[in-house]
């Protein structure tokens, strides 16, 4: 579930930037600052998903004969 939520957050952020860049009223500098401010949060989510995947694979290998 967390993996899907993280992917949705990243896709929405990407789409807002792509669509907003076509409009003159969209302030891309402020949007970039927003993304940079929250990047540690996003990086933490991505890292936790990667770590969880590694742990699951290790546990699966230990469970196999």
PDB file of N, CA and C in Angstrom:
ATOM      1  N   UNK A   1       0.816  -1.192   0.000  1.00  0.00           N
ATOM      2  CA  UNK A   1       0.000   0.000   0.000  1.00  0.00           C
ATOM      3  C   UNK A   1       0.862   1.258   0.000  1.00  0.00           C
ATOM      4  N   UNK A   2       1.908   1.266   0.823  1.00  0.00           N
ATOM      5  CA  UNK A   2       2.788   2.430   0.892  1.00  0.00           C
ATOM      6  C   UNK A   2       3.484   2.665  -0.439  1.00  0.00           C
ATOM      7  N   UNK A   3       3.809   1.576  -1.129  1.00  0.00           N
ATOM      8  CA  UNK A   3       4.465   1.696  -2.428  1.00  0.00           C
ATOM      9  C   UNK A   3       3.553   2.421  -3.410  1.00  0.00           C
ATOM     10  N   UNK A   4       2.291   2.063  -3.421  1.00  0.00           N
ATOM     11  CA  UNK A   4       1.339   2.703  -4.337  1.00  0.00           C
ATOM     12  C   UNK A   4       1.139   4.169  -3.993  1.00  0.00           C
ATOM     13  N   UNK A   5       1.039   4.471  -2.707  1.00  0.00           N
ATOM     14  CA  UNK A   5       0.856   5.859  -2.286  1.00  0.00           C
ATOM     15  C   UNK A   5       2.056   6.701  -2.690  1.00  0.00           C
ATOM     16  N   UNK A   6       3.258   6.175  -2.481  1.00  0.00           N
ATOM     17  CA  UNK A   6       4.465   6.901  -2.863  1.00  0.00           C
ATOM     18  C   UNK A   6       4.512   7.130  -4.362  1.00  0.00           C
ATOM     19  N   UNK A   7       4.184   6.114  -5.130  1.00  0.00           N
ATOM     20  CA  UNK A   7       4.174   6.276  -6.581  1.00  0.00           C
ATOM     21  C   UNK A   7       3.134   7.295  -7.022  1.00  0.00           C
ATOM     22  N   UNK A   8       1.983   7.300  -6.388  1.00  0.00           N
ATOM     23  CA  UNK A   8       0.948   8.287  -6.722  1.00  0.00           C
ATOM     24  C   UNK A   8       1.437   9.697  -6.409  1.00  0.00           C
ATOM     25  N   UNK A   9       2.078   9.882  -5.262  1.00  0.00           N
ATOM     26  CA  UNK A   9       2.610  11.194  -4.893  1.00  0.00           C
ATOM     27  C   UNK A   9       3.622  11.667  -5.926  1.00  0.00           C
ATOM     28  N   UNK A  10       4.530  10.792  -6.332  1.00  0.00           N
ATOM     29  CA  UNK A  10       5.548  11.171  -7.308  1.00  0.00           C
ATOM     30  C   UNK A  10       4.942  11.466  -8.673  1.00  0.00           C
ATOM     31  N   UNK A  11       3.964  10.687  -9.093  1.00  0.00           N
ATOM     32  CA  UNK A  11       3.317  10.912 -10.389  1.00  0.00           C
ATOM     33  C   UNK A  11       2.544  12.229 -10.377  1.00  0.00           C
ATOM     34  N   UNK A  12       1.837  12.503  -9.294  1.00  0.00           N
ATOM     35  CA  UNK A  12       1.086  13.763  -9.200  1.00  0.00           C
ATOM     36  C   UNK A  12       2.039  14.953  -9.238  1.00  0.00           C
ATOM     37  N   UNK A  13       3.141  14.877  -8.499  1.00  0.00           N
ATOM     38  CA  UNK A  13       4.118  15.967  -8.510  1.00  0.00           C
ATOM     39  C   UNK A  13       4.690  16.164  -9.909  1.00  0.00           C
ATOM     40  N   UNK A  14       4.975  15.077 -10.606  1.00  0.00           N
ATOM     41  CA  UNK A  14       5.500  15.156 -11.967  1.00  0.00           C
ATOM     42  C   UNK A  14       4.480  15.785 -12.909  1.00  0.00           C
ATOM     43  N   UNK A  15       3.232  15.337 -12.815  1.00  0.00           N
ATOM     44  CA  UNK A  15       2.189  15.860 -13.703  1.00  0.00           C
ATOM     45  C   UNK A  15       1.905  17.337 -13.444  1.00  0.00           C
ATOM     46  N   UNK A  16       1.894  17.743 -12.185  1.00  0.00           N
ATOM     47  CA  UNK A  16       1.679  19.157 -11.870  1.00  0.00           C
ATOM     48  C   UNK A  16       2.780  20.002 -12.492  1.00  0.00           C
ATOM     49  N   UNK A  17       4.018  19.547 -12.398  1.00  0.00           N
ATOM     50  CA  UNK A  17       5.127  20.282 -13.005  1.00  0.00           C
ATOM     51  C   UNK A  17       5.041  20.326 -14.515  1.00  0.00           C
ATOM     52  N   UNK A  18       4.703  19.197 -15.135  1.00  0.00           N
ATOM     53  CA  UNK A  18       4.609  19.143 -16.601  1.00  0.00           C
ATOM     54  C   UNK A  18       3.465  20.000 -17.130  1.00  0.00           C
ATOM     55  N   UNK A  19       2.314  19.866 -16.514  1.00  0.00           N
ATOM     56  CA  UNK A  19       1.153  20.629 -16.975  1.00  0.00           C
ATOM     57  C   UNK A  19       1.318  22.106 -16.629  1.00  0.00           C
ATOM     58  N   UNK A  20       1.814  22.385 -15.437  1.00  0.00           N
ATOM     59  CA  UNK A  20       1.988  23.775 -15.019  1.00  0.00           C
ATOM     60  C   UNK A  20       3.004  24.531 -15.846  1.00  0.00           C
ATOM     61  N   UNK A  21       3.992  23.841 -16.383  1.00  0.00           N
ATOM     62  CA  UNK A  21       5.020  24.521 -17.173  1.00  0.00           C
ATOM     63  C   UNK A  21       4.466  25.125 -18.460  1.00  0.00           C
ATOM     64  N   UNK A  22       3.300  24.685 -18.883  1.00  0.00           N
ATOM     65  CA  UNK A  22       2.689  25.227 -20.103  1.00  0.00           C
ATOM     66  C   UNK A  22       1.946  26.535 -19.857  1.00  0.00           C
ATOM     67  N   UNK A  23       1.685  26.865 -18.594  1.00  0.00           N
ATOM     68  CA  UNK A  23       0.916  28.061 -18.272  1.00  0.00           C
ATOM     69  C   UNK A  23       1.835  29.146 -17.737  1.00  0.00           C
ATOM     70  N   UNK A  24       1.656  30.349 -18.252  1.00  0.00           N
ATOM     71  CA  UNK A  24       2.510  31.466 -17.862  1.00  0.00           C
ATOM     72  C   UNK A  24       2.293  31.862 -16.402  1.00  0.00           C
ATOM     73  N   UNK A  25       1.082  31.684 -15.907  1.00  0.00           N
ATOM     74  CA  UNK A  25       0.756  32.079 -14.542  1.00  0.00           C
ATOM     75  C   UNK A  25       1.378  31.128 -13.506  1.00  0.00           C
ATOM     76  N   UNK A  26       1.777  29.932 -13.913  1.00  0.00           N
ATOM     77  CA  UNK A  26       2.374  28.942 -13.011  1.00  0.00           C
ATOM     78  C   UNK A  26       3.802  29.358 -12.681  1.00  0.00           C
ATOM     79  N   UNK A  27       4.097  29.520 -11.411  1.00  0.00           N
ATOM     80  CA  UNK A  27       5.428  29.948 -10.971  1.00  0.00           C
ATOM     81  C   UNK A  27       6.317  28.720 -10.757  1.00  0.00           C
ATOM     82  N   UNK A  28       7.125  28.423 -11.757  1.00  0.00           N
ATOM     83  CA  UNK A  28       7.962  27.225 -11.712  1.00  0.00           C
ATOM     84  C   UNK A  28       9.048  27.334 -10.642  1.00  0.00           C
ATOM     85  N   UNK A  29       9.540  28.545 -10.372  1.00  0.00           N
ATOM     86  CA  UNK A  29      10.561  28.707  -9.332  1.00  0.00           C
ATOM     87  C   UNK A  29      10.010  28.332  -7.953  1.00  0.00           C
ATOM     88  N   UNK A  30       8.804  28.771  -7.659  1.00  0.00           N
ATOM     89  CA  UNK A  30       8.190  28.418  -6.373  1.00  0.00           C
ATOM     90  C   UNK A  30       7.903  26.927  -6.294  1.00  0.00           C
ATOM     91  N   UNK A  31       7.485  26.346  -7.399  1.00  0.00           N
ATOM     92  CA  UNK A  31       7.208  24.913  -7.416  1.00  0.00           C
ATOM     93  C   UNK A  31       8.494  24.118  -7.192  1.00  0.00           C
ATOM     94  N   UNK A  32       9.583  24.563  -7.795  1.00  0.00           N
ATOM     95  CA  UNK A  32      10.875  23.906  -7.599  1.00  0.00           C
ATOM     96  C   UNK A  32      11.311  24.002  -6.137  1.00  0.00           C
ATOM     97  N   UNK A  33      11.118  25.168  -5.533  1.00  0.00           N
ATOM     98  CA  UNK A  33      11.452  25.327  -4.112  1.00  0.00           C
ATOM     99  C   UNK A  33      10.599  24.404  -3.244  1.00  0.00           C
ATOM    100  N   UNK A  34       9.323  24.281  -3.594  1.00  0.00           N
ATOM    101  CA  UNK A  34       8.432  23.373  -2.865  1.00  0.00           C
ATOM    102  C   UNK A  34       8.954  21.939  -2.940  1.00  0.00           C
ATOM    103  N   UNK A  35       9.323  21.492  -4.143  1.00  0.00           N
ATOM    104  CA  UNK A  35       9.828  20.126  -4.308  1.00  0.00           C
ATOM    105  C   UNK A  35      11.127  19.912  -3.537  1.00  0.00           C
ATOM    106  N   UNK A  36      12.010  20.909  -3.563  1.00  0.00           N
ATOM    107  CA  UNK A  36      13.271  20.786  -2.833  1.00  0.00           C
ATOM    108  C   UNK A  36      13.041  20.737  -1.323  1.00  0.00           C
ATOM    109  N   UNK A  37      12.055  21.476  -0.846  1.00  0.00           N
ATOM    110  CA  UNK A  37      11.754  21.486   0.584  1.00  0.00           C
ATOM    111  C   UNK A  37      11.257  20.126   1.053  1.00  0.00           C
ATOM    112  N   UNK A  38      10.433  19.484   0.248  1.00  0.00           N
ATOM    113  CA  UNK A  38       9.853  18.207   0.642  1.00  0.00           C
ATOM    114  C   UNK A  38      10.614  16.997   0.102  1.00  0.00           C
ATOM    115  N   UNK A  39      11.739  17.213  -0.549  1.00  0.00           N
ATOM    116  CA  UNK A  39      12.497  16.086  -1.102  1.00  0.00           C
ATOM    117  C   UNK A  39      12.991  15.104  -0.031  1.00  0.00           C
ATOM    118  N   UNK A  40      13.402  15.540   1.166  1.00  0.00           N
ATOM    119  CA  UNK A  40      13.788  14.535   2.175  1.00  0.00           C
ATOM    120  C   UNK A  40      12.637  13.589   2.527  1.00  0.00           C
ATOM    121  N   UNK A  41      11.419  14.111   2.548  1.00  0.00           N
ATOM    122  CA  UNK A  41      10.249  13.277   2.820  1.00  0.00           C
ATOM    123  C   UNK A  41      10.065  12.238   1.724  1.00  0.00           C
ATOM    124  N   UNK A  42      10.146  12.686   0.463  1.00  0.00           N
ATOM    125  CA  UNK A  42       9.991  11.765  -0.660  1.00  0.00           C
ATOM    126  C   UNK A  42      11.115  10.734  -0.683  1.00  0.00           C
ATOM    127  N   UNK A  43      12.335  11.177  -0.429  1.00  0.00           N
ATOM    128  CA  UNK A  43      13.471  10.250  -0.422  1.00  0.00           C
ATOM    129  C   UNK A  43      13.319   9.204   0.682  1.00  0.00           C
ATOM    130  N   UNK A  44      12.807   9.627   1.826  1.00  0.00           N
ATOM    131  CA  UNK A  44      12.566   8.676   2.910  1.00  0.00           C
ATOM    132  C   UNK A  44      11.540   7.626   2.533  1.00  0.00           C
ATOM    133  N   UNK A  45      10.478   8.050   1.840  1.00  0.00           N
ATOM    134  CA  UNK A  45       9.464   7.096   1.393  1.00  0.00           C
ATOM    135  C   UNK A  45      10.044   6.087   0.412  1.00  0.00           C
ATOM    136  N   UNK A  46      10.798   6.585  -0.560  1.00  0.00           N
ATOM    137  CA  UNK A  46      11.382   5.698  -1.567  1.00  0.00           C
ATOM    138  C   UNK A  46      12.383   4.743  -0.919  1.00  0.00           C
ATOM    139  N   UNK A  47      13.193   5.257   0.001  1.00  0.00           N
ATOM    140  CA  UNK A  47      14.173   4.404   0.681  1.00  0.00           C
ATOM    141  C   UNK A  47      13.490   3.328   1.522  1.00  0.00           C
ATOM    142  N   UNK A  48      12.400   3.681   2.179  1.00  0.00           N
ATOM    143  CA  UNK A  48      11.709   2.682   3.003  1.00  0.00           C
ATOM    144  C   UNK A  48      11.083   1.593   2.148  1.00  0.00           C
ATOM    145  N   UNK A  49      10.590   1.960   0.982  1.00  0.00           N
ATOM    146  CA  UNK A  49      10.025   0.956   0.073  1.00  0.00           C
ATOM    147  C   UNK A  49      11.124   0.020  -0.423  1.00  0.00           C
ATOM    148  N   UNK A  50      12.267   0.582  -0.791  1.00  0.00           N
ATOM    149  CA  UNK A  50      13.384  -0.244  -1.246  1.00  0.00           C
ATOM    150  C   UNK A  50      13.886  -1.168  -0.158  1.00  0.00           C
ATOM    151  N   UNK A  51      13.998  -0.647   1.048  1.00  0.00           N
ATOM    152  CA  UNK A  51      14.450  -1.461   2.173  1.00  0.00           C
ATOM    153  C   UNK A  51      13.467  -2.587   2.462  1.00  0.00           C
ATOM    154  N   UNK A  52      12.192  -2.273   2.417  1.00  0.00           N
ATOM    155  CA  UNK A  52      11.170  -3.290   2.659  1.00  0.00           C
ATOM    156  C   UNK A  52      11.236  -4.390   1.601  1.00  0.00           C
ATOM    157  N   UNK A  53      11.464  -4.027   0.355  1.00  0.00           N
ATOM    158  CA  UNK A  53      11.570  -5.028  -0.713  1.00  0.00           C
ATOM    159  C   UNK A  53      12.760  -5.953  -0.484  1.00  0.00           C
ATOM    160  N   UNK A  54      13.885  -5.385  -0.071  1.00  0.00           N
ATOM    161  CA  UNK A  54      15.078  -6.189   0.189  1.00  0.00           C
ATOM    162  C   UNK A  54      14.828  -7.145   1.351  1.00  0.00           C
ATOM    163  N   UNK A  55      14.217  -6.649   2.416  1.00  0.00           N
ATOM    164  CA  UNK A  55      13.935  -7.493   3.580  1.00  0.00           C
ATOM    165  C   UNK A  55      12.997  -8.632   3.195  1.00  0.00           C
ATOM    166  N   UNK A  56      11.973  -8.346   2.403  1.00  0.00           N
ATOM    167  CA  UNK A  56      11.041  -9.395   1.971  1.00  0.00           C
ATOM    168  C   UNK A  56      11.747 -10.461   1.137  1.00  0.00           C
ATOM    169  N   UNK A  57      12.639 -10.054   0.246  1.00  0.00           N
ATOM    170  CA  UNK A  57      13.366 -11.019  -0.584  1.00  0.00           C
ATOM    171  C   UNK A  57      14.287 -11.890   0.263  1.00  0.00           C
ATOM    172  N   UNK A  58      14.941 -11.295   1.245  1.00  0.00           N
ATOM    173  CA  UNK A  58      15.824 -12.069   2.123  1.00  0.00           C
ATOM    174  C   UNK A  58      15.014 -13.071   2.929  1.00  0.00           C
ATOM    175  N   UNK A  59      13.863 -12.651   3.434  1.00  0.00           N
ATOM    176  CA  UNK A  59      13.017 -13.557   4.209  1.00  0.00           C
ATOM    177  C   UNK A  59      12.474 -14.687   3.344  1.00  0.00           C
ATOM    178  N   UNK A  60      12.151 -14.406   2.086  1.00  0.00           N
ATOM    179  CA  UNK A  60      11.676 -15.450   1.175  1.00  0.00           C
ATOM    180  C   UNK A  60      12.767 -16.486   0.924  1.00  0.00           C
ATOM    181  N   UNK A  61      14.010 -16.023   0.746  1.00  0.00           N
ATOM    182  CA  UNK A  61      15.118 -16.948   0.501  1.00  0.00           C
ATOM    183  C   UNK A  61      15.398 -17.812   1.725  1.00  0.00           C
ATOM    184  N   UNK A  62      15.265 -17.248   2.915  1.00  0.00           N
ATOM    185  CA  UNK A  62      15.492 -18.028   4.134  1.00  0.00           C
ATOM    186  C   UNK A  62      14.411 -19.078   4.323  1.00  0.00           C
ATOM    187  N   UNK A  63      13.206 -18.794   3.871  1.00  0.00           N
ATOM    188  CA  UNK A  63      12.101 -19.728   4.033  1.00  0.00           C
ATOM    189  C   UNK A  63      12.131 -20.877   3.048  1.00  0.00           C
ATOM    190  N   UNK A  64      12.868 -20.734   1.944  1.00  0.00           N
ATOM    191  CA  UNK A  64      12.952 -21.802   0.944  1.00  0.00           C
ATOM    192  C   UNK A  64      14.015 -22.814   1.356  1.00  0.00           C
ATOM    193  N   UNK A  65      13.749 -24.119   1.115  1.00  0.00           N
ATOM    194  CA  UNK A  65      14.742 -25.150   1.486  1.00  0.00           C
ATOM    195  C   UNK A  65      15.950 -25.155   0.573  1.00  0.00           C
TER     196      UNK A  65
END
